[in-house]
Amino acid sequence: MRADDDETYMRMAIEVARSKGSNPSTSPLGCVIVLDGKVIAAERNQTHELPDATAHAEMMAIRRACEDTGELELRGATLYSTLQPCGMCTMASIWSKVGRVVYGAGKDDVHPMYFEARHVDTLGFIGDAYRDDIVIEGGCLADECATLYYGPDADLPKEEQANL
């Protein structure tokens, strides 16, 4: 896929993230899944609304994409996420056979609260343990995506920090 296409779909993911507000304390993540040039899912984090700890944007988008296609596997699809996927979402990408993951802001671009306290390097994990046919590319519109979240050095009260 061309870089222009990546930016177009990432901008869509940013809009999805902002669709119900942009307070960084609610982890406004957005995810878009594209297959054959068609958006087959666009979801945001819904952990608080449902309430469901697994309702991350990527998990919800994978569910919707599988429903849309009627398939368990999303071979050839590209998943766009405004933030580097966590371990759970990375594993869902692996199990659903997504072909490519493109993310915006990475672990170093945002506050540590958005990642597990003992964050697994999911990129290395994939390379070492599971699939060599999945492509992971980070940094697409990273600065724009990072504005959705607290900055790396934000001074936040512990009770506001989700994963620490």
N, C-alpha and C. Protein backbone atom coordinates (compact mmCIF):
# COMPACT_ATOMS: atom_id res chain seq x y z
N MET A 1 0.85 -1.17 0.00
CA MET A 1 0.00 0.00 0.00
C MET A 1 0.90 1.24 0.00
N ARG A 2 0.46 2.28 -0.63
CA ARG A 2 1.22 3.51 -0.70
C ARG A 2 1.15 4.28 0.61
N ALA A 3 2.18 5.12 0.84
CA ALA A 3 2.22 5.94 2.05
C ALA A 3 1.01 6.88 2.11
N ASP A 4 0.56 7.40 0.95
CA ASP A 4 -0.63 8.27 0.93
C ASP A 4 -1.86 7.53 1.45
N ASP A 5 -2.00 6.27 1.03
CA ASP A 5 -3.12 5.47 1.50
C ASP A 5 -3.02 5.25 3.00
N ASP A 6 -1.81 4.94 3.48
CA ASP A 6 -1.61 4.74 4.92
C ASP A 6 -2.03 5.98 5.69
N GLU A 7 -1.63 7.15 5.23
CA GLU A 7 -1.98 8.38 5.93
C GLU A 7 -3.49 8.63 5.89
N THR A 8 -4.12 8.33 4.77
CA THR A 8 -5.57 8.50 4.65
C THR A 8 -6.29 7.62 5.67
N TYR A 9 -5.92 6.35 5.75
CA TYR A 9 -6.58 5.44 6.68
C TYR A 9 -6.23 5.75 8.13
N MET A 10 -5.00 6.24 8.38
CA MET A 10 -4.64 6.62 9.74
C MET A 10 -5.42 7.85 10.16
N ARG A 11 -5.63 8.79 9.25
CA ARG A 11 -6.45 9.96 9.60
C ARG A 11 -7.88 9.52 9.94
N MET A 12 -8.36 8.52 9.24
CA MET A 12 -9.68 7.98 9.55
C MET A 12 -9.67 7.37 10.95
N ALA A 13 -8.62 6.65 11.30
CA ALA A 13 -8.50 6.06 12.64
C ALA A 13 -8.45 7.15 13.71
N ILE A 14 -7.79 8.26 13.41
CA ILE A 14 -7.74 9.39 14.36
C ILE A 14 -9.14 9.94 14.57
N GLU A 15 -9.90 10.09 13.51
CA GLU A 15 -11.28 10.59 13.63
C GLU A 15 -12.15 9.62 14.42
N VAL A 16 -11.97 8.33 14.20
CA VAL A 16 -12.71 7.32 14.96
C VAL A 16 -12.35 7.43 16.44
N ALA A 17 -11.06 7.63 16.74
CA ALA A 17 -10.62 7.77 18.13
C ALA A 17 -11.29 8.96 18.80
N ARG A 18 -11.47 10.03 18.06
CA ARG A 18 -12.07 11.26 18.60
C ARG A 18 -13.59 11.25 18.58
N SER A 19 -14.19 10.23 18.04
CA SER A 19 -15.64 10.23 17.79
C SER A 19 -16.50 10.38 19.04
N LYS A 20 -16.01 10.00 20.18
CA LYS A 20 -16.79 10.15 21.42
C LYS A 20 -16.00 10.94 22.46
N GLY A 21 -15.22 11.89 21.97
CA GLY A 21 -14.43 12.72 22.86
C GLY A 21 -12.95 12.43 22.71
N SER A 22 -12.15 13.36 23.21
CA SER A 22 -10.72 13.20 23.03
C SER A 22 -9.96 13.40 24.34
N ASN A 23 -10.60 13.08 25.45
CA ASN A 23 -9.93 13.17 26.74
C ASN A 23 -8.88 12.06 26.83
N PRO A 24 -7.60 12.41 26.99
CA PRO A 24 -6.56 11.38 27.01
C PRO A 24 -6.70 10.38 28.15
N SER A 25 -7.46 10.72 29.19
CA SER A 25 -7.63 9.78 30.31
C SER A 25 -8.49 8.59 29.92
N THR A 26 -9.27 8.70 28.84
CA THR A 26 -10.14 7.60 28.41
C THR A 26 -9.50 6.75 27.30
N SER A 27 -8.22 6.96 27.05
CA SER A 27 -7.50 6.20 26.02
C SER A 27 -8.25 6.18 24.69
N PRO A 28 -8.39 7.34 24.05
CA PRO A 28 -9.15 7.38 22.80
C PRO A 28 -8.38 6.78 21.62
N LEU A 29 -8.38 5.47 21.55
CA LEU A 29 -7.73 4.78 20.43
C LEU A 29 -8.72 4.59 19.30
N GLY A 30 -8.22 4.63 18.09
CA GLY A 30 -9.03 4.35 16.92
C GLY A 30 -8.35 3.30 16.07
N CYS A 31 -9.17 2.47 15.44
CA CYS A 31 -8.64 1.41 14.59
C CYS A 31 -9.52 1.27 13.35
N VAL A 32 -8.87 1.13 12.22
CA VAL A 32 -9.54 0.92 10.95
C VAL A 32 -8.91 -0.30 10.30
N ILE A 33 -9.72 -1.18 9.73
CA ILE A 33 -9.21 -2.35 9.00
C ILE A 33 -9.66 -2.23 7.56
N VAL A 34 -8.70 -2.40 6.66
CA VAL A 34 -8.92 -2.24 5.23
C VAL A 34 -8.57 -3.55 4.52
N LEU A 35 -9.45 -3.97 3.64
CA LEU A 35 -9.23 -5.17 2.83
C LEU A 35 -9.59 -4.84 1.39
N ASP A 36 -8.65 -5.08 0.50
CA ASP A 36 -8.87 -4.81 -0.93
C ASP A 36 -9.37 -3.38 -1.18
N GLY A 37 -8.78 -2.41 -0.46
CA GLY A 37 -9.12 -1.01 -0.67
C GLY A 37 -10.44 -0.58 -0.06
N LYS A 38 -11.07 -1.45 0.71
CA LYS A 38 -12.37 -1.14 1.33
C LYS A 38 -12.25 -1.20 2.85
N VAL A 39 -12.79 -0.20 3.52
CA VAL A 39 -12.82 -0.21 4.98
C VAL A 39 -13.88 -1.22 5.41
N ILE A 40 -13.44 -2.25 6.14
CA ILE A 40 -14.39 -3.28 6.59
C ILE A 40 -14.70 -3.17 8.08
N ALA A 41 -13.96 -2.30 8.78
CA ALA A 41 -14.24 -2.06 10.20
C ALA A 41 -13.58 -0.76 10.63
N ALA A 42 -14.24 -0.04 11.51
CA ALA A 42 -13.71 1.19 12.10
C ALA A 42 -14.27 1.28 13.51
N GLU A 43 -13.42 1.12 14.50
CA GLU A 43 -13.88 1.07 15.89
C GLU A 43 -12.94 1.86 16.80
N ARG A 44 -13.46 2.23 17.96
CA ARG A 44 -12.66 2.91 18.98
C ARG A 44 -12.66 2.06 20.24
N ASN A 45 -11.83 2.43 21.21
CA ASN A 45 -11.86 1.75 22.50
C ASN A 45 -13.25 1.86 23.10
N GLN A 46 -13.75 0.77 23.66
CA GLN A 46 -15.07 0.77 24.27
C GLN A 46 -15.05 0.09 25.63
N THR A 47 -13.88 0.07 26.26
CA THR A 47 -13.73 -0.65 27.52
C THR A 47 -14.66 -0.11 28.60
N HIS A 48 -14.79 1.20 28.70
CA HIS A 48 -15.62 1.79 29.75
C HIS A 48 -17.11 1.70 29.42
N GLU A 49 -17.45 1.88 28.16
CA GLU A 49 -18.85 1.88 27.76
C GLU A 49 -19.51 0.52 27.93
N LEU A 50 -18.78 -0.55 27.67
CA LEU A 50 -19.42 -1.87 27.62
C LEU A 50 -19.73 -2.49 28.99
N PRO A 51 -19.13 -2.44 30.04
CA PRO A 51 -17.70 -2.42 30.34
C PRO A 51 -17.08 -3.78 30.02
N ASP A 52 -15.92 -3.73 29.38
CA ASP A 52 -15.26 -4.95 28.92
C ASP A 52 -13.77 -4.65 28.74
N ALA A 53 -12.96 -5.27 29.55
CA ALA A 53 -11.51 -5.02 29.51
C ALA A 53 -10.89 -5.42 28.17
N THR A 54 -11.57 -6.27 27.40
CA THR A 54 -11.02 -6.68 26.10
C THR A 54 -11.53 -5.83 24.95
N ALA A 55 -12.32 -4.81 25.22
CA ALA A 55 -12.93 -4.01 24.16
C ALA A 55 -12.01 -2.90 23.66
N HIS A 56 -10.76 -3.25 23.43
CA HIS A 56 -9.82 -2.31 22.83
C HIS A 56 -10.25 -2.06 21.39
N ALA A 57 -9.82 -0.94 20.83
CA ALA A 57 -10.21 -0.57 19.46
C ALA A 57 -9.85 -1.67 18.46
N GLU A 58 -8.65 -2.23 18.59
CA GLU A 58 -8.23 -3.27 17.65
C GLU A 58 -9.07 -4.53 17.78
N MET A 59 -9.38 -4.91 19.01
CA MET A 59 -10.19 -6.11 19.25
C MET A 59 -11.59 -5.92 18.66
N MET A 60 -12.17 -4.75 18.89
CA MET A 60 -13.51 -4.47 18.38
C MET A 60 -13.50 -4.45 16.85
N ALA A 61 -12.45 -3.85 16.26
CA ALA A 61 -12.37 -3.78 14.80
C ALA A 61 -12.18 -5.17 14.20
N ILE A 62 -11.37 -6.00 14.82
CA ILE A 62 -11.19 -7.37 14.32
C ILE A 62 -12.51 -8.12 14.37
N ARG A 63 -13.25 -7.97 15.47
CA ARG A 63 -14.57 -8.61 15.57
C ARG A 63 -15.49 -8.15 14.44
N ARG A 64 -15.56 -6.83 14.23
CA ARG A 64 -16.44 -6.30 13.19
C ARG A 64 -15.99 -6.73 11.80
N ALA A 65 -14.69 -6.75 11.56
CA ALA A 65 -14.17 -7.15 10.25
C ALA A 65 -14.49 -8.61 9.96
N CYS A 66 -14.37 -9.46 10.95
CA CYS A 66 -14.71 -10.88 10.76
C CYS A 66 -16.22 -11.03 10.51
N GLU A 67 -17.02 -10.25 11.24
CA GLU A 67 -18.46 -10.27 10.99
C GLU A 67 -18.78 -9.81 9.57
N ASP A 68 -18.10 -8.75 9.14
CA ASP A 68 -18.34 -8.18 7.81
C ASP A 68 -17.99 -9.17 6.70
N THR A 69 -16.87 -9.85 6.87
CA THR A 69 -16.42 -10.78 5.83
C THR A 69 -17.03 -12.16 5.98
N GLY A 70 -17.51 -12.47 7.19
CA GLY A 70 -18.01 -13.82 7.46
C GLY A 70 -16.89 -14.84 7.58
N GLU A 71 -15.68 -14.34 7.80
CA GLU A 71 -14.51 -15.21 7.88
C GLU A 71 -13.80 -15.03 9.21
N LEU A 72 -13.14 -16.09 9.65
CA LEU A 72 -12.32 -16.06 10.86
C LEU A 72 -10.98 -15.38 10.59
N GLU A 73 -10.51 -15.48 9.36
CA GLU A 73 -9.19 -14.96 9.00
C GLU A 73 -9.33 -13.70 8.15
N LEU A 74 -8.41 -12.77 8.37
CA LEU A 74 -8.40 -11.51 7.65
C LEU A 74 -7.13 -11.39 6.79
N ARG A 75 -6.80 -12.47 6.11
CA ARG A 75 -5.59 -12.47 5.26
C ARG A 75 -5.68 -11.35 4.23
N GLY A 76 -4.57 -10.64 4.09
CA GLY A 76 -4.51 -9.55 3.13
C GLY A 76 -5.01 -8.23 3.66
N ALA A 77 -5.57 -8.21 4.86
CA ALA A 77 -6.09 -6.98 5.45
C ALA A 77 -4.97 -6.19 6.12
N THR A 78 -5.16 -4.87 6.19
CA THR A 78 -4.27 -3.99 6.94
C THR A 78 -5.04 -3.38 8.08
N LEU A 79 -4.47 -3.46 9.27
CA LEU A 79 -5.05 -2.90 10.48
C LEU A 79 -4.30 -1.61 10.79
N TYR A 80 -5.03 -0.50 10.92
CA TYR A 80 -4.45 0.79 11.28
C TYR A 80 -4.88 1.13 12.69
N SER A 81 -3.91 1.42 13.56
CA SER A 81 -4.20 1.77 14.94
C SER A 81 -3.46 3.05 15.31
N THR A 82 -4.14 3.92 16.03
CA THR A 82 -3.52 5.19 16.40
C THR A 82 -2.40 5.02 17.43
N LEU A 83 -2.35 3.87 18.09
CA LEU A 83 -1.32 3.61 19.10
C LEU A 83 -0.78 2.20 18.90
N GLN A 84 0.49 2.02 19.17
CA GLN A 84 1.10 0.70 19.06
C GLN A 84 0.26 -0.32 19.82
N PRO A 85 -0.19 -1.39 19.16
CA PRO A 85 -1.06 -2.36 19.82
C PRO A 85 -0.41 -3.02 21.04
N CYS A 86 -1.23 -3.26 22.05
CA CYS A 86 -0.79 -3.97 23.24
C CYS A 86 -0.61 -5.45 22.91
N GLY A 87 -0.15 -6.21 23.87
CA GLY A 87 0.05 -7.64 23.66
C GLY A 87 -1.21 -8.39 23.26
N MET A 88 -2.34 -8.08 23.91
CA MET A 88 -3.60 -8.74 23.59
C MET A 88 -4.00 -8.47 22.14
N CYS A 89 -3.91 -7.21 21.74
CA CYS A 89 -4.32 -6.84 20.39
C CYS A 89 -3.36 -7.38 19.34
N THR A 90 -2.09 -7.45 19.69
CA THR A 90 -1.12 -8.05 18.78
C THR A 90 -1.44 -9.53 18.57
N MET A 91 -1.76 -10.22 19.66
CA MET A 91 -2.10 -11.64 19.53
C MET A 91 -3.38 -11.81 18.70
N ALA A 92 -4.35 -10.92 18.87
CA ALA A 92 -5.57 -11.01 18.06
C ALA A 92 -5.25 -10.80 16.59
N SER A 93 -4.31 -9.91 16.30
CA SER A 93 -3.88 -9.70 14.91
C SER A 93 -3.24 -10.96 14.35
N ILE A 94 -2.44 -11.60 15.18
CA ILE A 94 -1.78 -12.85 14.77
C ILE A 94 -2.82 -13.93 14.50
N TRP A 95 -3.73 -14.14 15.45
CA TRP A 95 -4.71 -15.22 15.33
C TRP A 95 -5.69 -14.98 14.20
N SER A 96 -5.99 -13.72 13.90
CA SER A 96 -6.93 -13.43 12.82
C SER A 96 -6.24 -13.36 11.46
N LYS A 97 -4.92 -13.52 11.47
CA LYS A 97 -4.13 -13.57 10.22
C LYS A 97 -4.13 -12.25 9.45
N VAL A 98 -4.24 -11.11 10.18
CA VAL A 98 -4.08 -9.81 9.54
C VAL A 98 -2.71 -9.81 8.86
N GLY A 99 -2.64 -9.26 7.66
CA GLY A 99 -1.39 -9.28 6.92
C GLY A 99 -0.43 -8.17 7.28
N ARG A 100 -0.99 -7.06 7.76
CA ARG A 100 -0.15 -5.89 8.01
C ARG A 100 -0.78 -5.06 9.12
N VAL A 101 0.06 -4.57 10.02
CA VAL A 101 -0.36 -3.67 11.09
C VAL A 101 0.42 -2.37 10.93
N VAL A 102 -0.30 -1.26 10.85
CA VAL A 102 0.31 0.06 10.76
C VAL A 102 -0.18 0.84 11.98
N TYR A 103 0.76 1.34 12.78
CA TYR A 103 0.34 2.12 13.94
C TYR A 103 0.97 3.50 13.91
N GLY A 104 0.35 4.40 14.64
CA GLY A 104 0.80 5.79 14.70
C GLY A 104 1.82 5.99 15.80
N ALA A 105 1.35 6.42 16.97
CA ALA A 105 2.24 6.68 18.10
C ALA A 105 2.76 5.37 18.68
N GLY A 106 4.02 5.39 19.07
CA GLY A 106 4.64 4.22 19.69
C GLY A 106 4.79 4.40 21.18
N LYS A 107 5.32 3.39 21.80
CA LYS A 107 5.47 3.36 23.25
C LYS A 107 6.24 4.57 23.78
N ASP A 108 7.23 5.03 23.07
CA ASP A 108 8.05 6.14 23.53
C ASP A 108 7.42 7.51 23.27
N ASP A 109 6.33 7.54 22.51
CA ASP A 109 5.68 8.81 22.16
C ASP A 109 4.61 9.24 23.16
N VAL A 110 4.23 8.35 24.06
CA VAL A 110 3.11 8.61 24.97
C VAL A 110 3.47 8.21 26.40
N HIS A 111 2.60 8.55 27.33
CA HIS A 111 2.80 8.20 28.73
C HIS A 111 2.81 6.68 28.92
N PRO A 112 3.62 6.17 29.84
CA PRO A 112 3.67 4.72 30.07
C PRO A 112 2.36 4.08 30.48
N MET A 113 1.39 4.88 30.96
CA MET A 113 0.11 4.32 31.41
C MET A 113 -0.65 3.60 30.30
N TYR A 114 -0.31 3.89 29.04
CA TYR A 114 -1.03 3.28 27.93
C TYR A 114 -0.52 1.89 27.58
N PHE A 115 0.48 1.44 28.29
CA PHE A 115 1.05 0.12 28.03
C PHE A 115 1.14 -0.67 29.32
N GLU A 116 1.24 -1.97 29.19
CA GLU A 116 1.37 -2.82 30.35
C GLU A 116 2.60 -2.39 31.15
N ALA A 117 2.53 -2.53 32.47
CA ALA A 117 3.65 -2.12 33.31
C ALA A 117 4.93 -2.87 32.92
N ARG A 118 4.79 -4.10 32.53
CA ARG A 118 5.93 -4.89 32.06
C ARG A 118 5.69 -5.20 30.60
N HIS A 119 5.70 -4.17 29.80
CA HIS A 119 5.33 -4.25 28.38
C HIS A 119 6.16 -5.29 27.65
N VAL A 120 5.46 -6.17 26.96
CA VAL A 120 6.10 -7.15 26.09
C VAL A 120 6.41 -6.44 24.79
N ASP A 121 7.62 -6.62 24.30
CA ASP A 121 7.97 -6.06 23.00
C ASP A 121 7.25 -6.90 21.95
N THR A 122 6.06 -6.47 21.58
CA THR A 122 5.24 -7.27 20.68
C THR A 122 5.87 -7.44 19.31
N LEU A 123 6.64 -6.46 18.87
CA LEU A 123 7.27 -6.59 17.56
C LEU A 123 8.28 -7.72 17.58
N GLY A 124 9.11 -7.78 18.61
CA GLY A 124 10.07 -8.86 18.75
C GLY A 124 9.37 -10.19 19.00
N PHE A 125 8.29 -10.14 19.75
CA PHE A 125 7.54 -11.35 20.08
C PHE A 125 7.02 -12.03 18.81
N ILE A 126 6.48 -11.22 17.90
CA ILE A 126 5.98 -11.77 16.64
C ILE A 126 7.11 -12.39 15.85
N GLY A 127 8.20 -11.65 15.74
CA GLY A 127 9.33 -12.14 14.96
C GLY A 127 9.94 -13.41 15.53
N ASP A 128 9.98 -13.50 16.84
CA ASP A 128 10.61 -14.65 17.48
C ASP A 128 9.70 -15.86 17.61
N ALA A 129 8.41 -15.62 17.81
CA ALA A 129 7.55 -16.72 18.22
C ALA A 129 6.47 -17.14 17.24
N TYR A 130 5.94 -16.24 16.47
CA TYR A 130 4.74 -16.62 15.75
C TYR A 130 4.82 -16.53 14.25
N ARG A 131 4.73 -15.35 13.70
CA ARG A 131 4.57 -15.26 12.25
C ARG A 131 5.64 -14.41 11.61
N ASP A 132 6.12 -14.88 10.50
CA ASP A 132 7.07 -14.07 9.75
C ASP A 132 6.40 -13.46 8.52
N ASP A 133 5.09 -13.68 8.38
CA ASP A 133 4.38 -13.13 7.22
C ASP A 133 3.51 -11.92 7.59
N ILE A 134 3.60 -11.43 8.81
CA ILE A 134 2.87 -10.24 9.20
C ILE A 134 3.86 -9.07 9.17
N VAL A 135 3.43 -7.98 8.59
CA VAL A 135 4.27 -6.78 8.48
C VAL A 135 3.80 -5.78 9.52
N ILE A 136 4.73 -5.26 10.31
CA ILE A 136 4.41 -4.26 11.33
C ILE A 136 5.18 -2.98 10.98
N GLU A 137 4.45 -1.89 10.86
CA GLU A 137 5.08 -0.61 10.54
C GLU A 137 4.57 0.45 11.49
N GLY A 138 5.46 1.08 12.22
CA GLY A 138 5.07 2.12 13.16
C GLY A 138 5.46 3.50 12.69
N GLY A 139 4.85 4.50 13.32
CA GLY A 139 5.22 5.88 13.07
C GLY A 139 4.41 6.61 12.03
N CYS A 140 3.34 6.01 11.52
CA CYS A 140 2.50 6.68 10.53
C CYS A 140 1.71 7.80 11.24
N LEU A 141 1.99 9.05 10.88
CA LEU A 141 1.37 10.21 11.52
C LEU A 141 1.54 10.16 13.05
N ALA A 142 2.71 9.73 13.48
CA ALA A 142 2.98 9.53 14.91
C ALA A 142 2.71 10.78 15.74
N ASP A 143 3.14 11.94 15.26
CA ASP A 143 2.94 13.16 16.04
C ASP A 143 1.46 13.49 16.20
N GLU A 144 0.70 13.34 15.12
CA GLU A 144 -0.74 13.60 15.21
C GLU A 144 -1.42 12.60 16.13
N CYS A 145 -1.04 11.34 16.01
CA CYS A 145 -1.64 10.32 16.88
C CYS A 145 -1.27 10.56 18.34
N ALA A 146 -0.04 10.97 18.60
CA ALA A 146 0.41 11.19 19.98
C ALA A 146 -0.39 12.28 20.68
N THR A 147 -0.95 13.22 19.92
CA THR A 147 -1.74 14.29 20.55
C THR A 147 -3.03 13.78 21.18
N LEU A 148 -3.42 12.56 20.85
CA LEU A 148 -4.61 11.95 21.45
C LEU A 148 -4.37 11.54 22.91
N TYR A 149 -3.10 11.42 23.29
CA TYR A 149 -2.73 10.81 24.57
C TYR A 149 -1.89 11.75 25.42
N TYR A 150 -1.75 11.41 26.69
CA TYR A 150 -0.83 12.15 27.54
C TYR A 150 0.59 11.92 27.04
N GLY A 151 1.39 12.97 27.13
CA GLY A 151 2.78 12.89 26.71
C GLY A 151 3.61 12.01 27.63
N PRO A 152 4.80 11.60 27.16
CA PRO A 152 5.63 10.67 27.93
C PRO A 152 6.00 11.16 29.33
N ASP A 153 6.10 12.48 29.51
CA ASP A 153 6.53 13.02 30.79
C ASP A 153 5.41 13.69 31.57
N ALA A 154 4.16 13.45 31.18
CA ALA A 154 3.03 14.07 31.88
C ALA A 154 3.02 13.64 33.34
N ASP A 155 2.80 14.60 34.22
CA ASP A 155 2.75 14.33 35.66
C ASP A 155 1.30 14.04 36.04
N LEU A 156 0.98 12.76 36.16
CA LEU A 156 -0.40 12.35 36.43
C LEU A 156 -0.50 11.67 37.79
N PRO A 157 -1.61 11.89 38.49
CA PRO A 157 -1.82 11.16 39.74
C PRO A 157 -1.90 9.65 39.46
N LYS A 158 -1.37 8.85 40.35
CA LYS A 158 -1.35 7.39 40.16
C LYS A 158 -2.74 6.82 39.89
N GLU A 159 -3.78 7.36 40.54
CA GLU A 159 -5.12 6.81 40.37
C GLU A 159 -5.67 7.03 38.95
N GLU A 160 -5.07 7.92 38.19
CA GLU A 160 -5.49 8.16 36.82
C GLU A 160 -4.71 7.31 35.81
N GLN A 161 -3.76 6.56 36.28
CA GLN A 161 -2.90 5.80 35.39
C GLN A 161 -3.37 4.34 35.32
N ALA A 162 -3.91 3.99 34.20
CA ALA A 162 -4.60 2.71 34.03
C ALA A 162 -3.73 1.48 34.24
N ASN A 163 -2.57 1.40 33.65
CA ASN A 163 -1.83 0.13 33.62
C ASN A 163 -0.58 0.10 34.48
N LEU A 164 -0.37 1.11 35.30
CA LEU A 164 0.85 1.13 36.12
C LEU A 164 0.60 0.58 37.50
